[in-house]
Each structure stands twice: as C-alpha cells, then as structure tokens.
Amino acid sequence: MALKKSQLYGSLWQGGDELRGGMDTSQYRDEVAALAARVDGHLGKMGVTP
C-alpha cells in the first residue's frame, strides 16, 4: 500500500511534537535550524551536494 503525502506529513509533525516535548516551539525551531546547519556543513566537507 502506498503512503499518502498527507499521512507522511502527519507522521512527521507527530514525530516533531514528540521530540519537542515540553520545549517552547521557537526554541525547538532554533535547535533544529542549528542541527540542519551542522549537517549541511558536514555534507559540504564530504563533497556531498543536496
């Protein structure tokens, strides 16, 4: 059975909510942005482009 886009988005949002826990959403956003920047930097060092 194929996964519908709405089901995928729902699962991603639910997972984000679970990871965030009691943290304020703006603080969580900043943490995720910092993590994404670190991953991007590491990928760039490895010569991987998105």
C-alpha atoms as a PDB file:
ATOM      1  CA  MET A   1       0.000   0.000   0.000  1.00  0.00           C
ATOM      2  CA  ALA A   2       1.385   3.392  -0.991  1.00  0.00           C
ATOM      3  CA  LEU A   3       1.806   6.052   1.641  1.00  0.00           C
ATOM      4  CA  LYS A   4      -0.225   9.183   1.005  1.00  0.00           C
ATOM      5  CA  LYS A   5       1.509  12.540   1.270  1.00  0.00           C
ATOM      6  CA  SER A   6      -0.925  13.651   3.977  1.00  0.00           C
ATOM      7  CA  GLN A   7      -0.073  10.548   6.033  1.00  0.00           C
ATOM      8  CA  LEU A   8       3.644  11.246   5.668  1.00  0.00           C
ATOM      9  CA  TYR A   9       3.224  14.877   6.741  1.00  0.00           C
ATOM     10  CA  GLY A  10       1.071  13.823   9.679  1.00  0.00           C
ATOM     11  CA  SER A  11       3.696  11.339  10.834  1.00  0.00           C
ATOM     12  CA  LEU A  12       6.466  13.924  10.518  1.00  0.00           C
ATOM     13  CA  TRP A  13       4.521  16.512  12.521  1.00  0.00           C
ATOM     14  CA  GLN A  14       3.683  13.940  15.194  1.00  0.00           C
ATOM     15  CA  GLY A  15       7.331  12.895  15.455  1.00  0.00           C
ATOM     16  CA  GLY A  16       8.408  16.529  15.754  1.00  0.00           C
ATOM     17  CA  ASP A  17       5.877  17.119  18.513  1.00  0.00           C
ATOM     18  CA  GLU A  18       7.140  14.062  20.391  1.00  0.00           C
ATOM     19  CA  LEU A  19      10.771  15.169  20.074  1.00  0.00           C
ATOM     20  CA  ARG A  20       9.931  18.711  21.157  1.00  0.00           C
ATOM     21  CA  GLY A  21       8.204  17.542  24.317  1.00  0.00           C
ATOM     22  CA  GLY A  22       7.667  20.493  26.650  1.00  0.00           C
ATOM     23  CA  MET A  23      10.166  22.750  24.867  1.00  0.00           C
ATOM     24  CA  ASP A  24       8.890  26.076  23.541  1.00  0.00           C
ATOM     25  CA  THR A  25       8.313  25.913  19.774  1.00  0.00           C
ATOM     26  CA  SER A  26      10.589  28.867  19.000  1.00  0.00           C
ATOM     27  CA  GLN A  27      13.446  27.293  20.972  1.00  0.00           C
ATOM     28  CA  TYR A  28      12.855  23.965  19.209  1.00  0.00           C
ATOM     29  CA  ARG A  29      12.918  25.721  15.819  1.00  0.00           C
ATOM     30  CA  ASP A  30      16.290  27.273  16.667  1.00  0.00           C
ATOM     31  CA  GLU A  31      17.692  23.907  17.766  1.00  0.00           C
ATOM     32  CA  VAL A  32      16.532  22.191  14.576  1.00  0.00           C
ATOM     33  CA  ALA A  33      17.926  25.016  12.416  1.00  0.00           C
ATOM     34  CA  ALA A  34      21.313  24.711  14.161  1.00  0.00           C
ATOM     35  CA  LEU A  35      21.307  20.949  13.641  1.00  0.00           C
ATOM     36  CA  ALA A  36      20.439  21.352   9.953  1.00  0.00           C
ATOM     37  CA  ALA A  37      23.288  23.841   9.524  1.00  0.00           C
ATOM     38  CA  ARG A  38      25.738  21.416  11.126  1.00  0.00           C
ATOM     39  CA  VAL A  39      24.603  18.554   8.909  1.00  0.00           C
ATOM     40  CA  ASP A  40      24.864  20.777   5.837  1.00  0.00           C
ATOM     41  CA  GLY A  41      28.396  21.786   6.841  1.00  0.00           C
ATOM     42  CA  HIS A  42      29.456  18.174   7.300  1.00  0.00           C
ATOM     43  CA  LEU A  43      27.964  17.164   3.964  1.00  0.00           C
ATOM     44  CA  GLY A  44      29.783  20.038   2.281  1.00  0.00           C
ATOM     45  CA  LYS A  45      33.090  18.870   3.770  1.00  0.00           C
ATOM     46  CA  MET A  46      32.412  15.402   2.380  1.00  0.00           C
ATOM     47  CA  GLY A  47      31.713  16.840  -1.074  1.00  0.00           C
ATOM     48  CA  VAL A  48      28.022  15.945  -0.996  1.00  0.00           C
ATOM     49  CA  THR A  49      25.601  18.458  -2.501  1.00  0.00           C
ATOM     50  CA  PRO A  50      21.867  18.258  -1.963  1.00  0.00           C
END
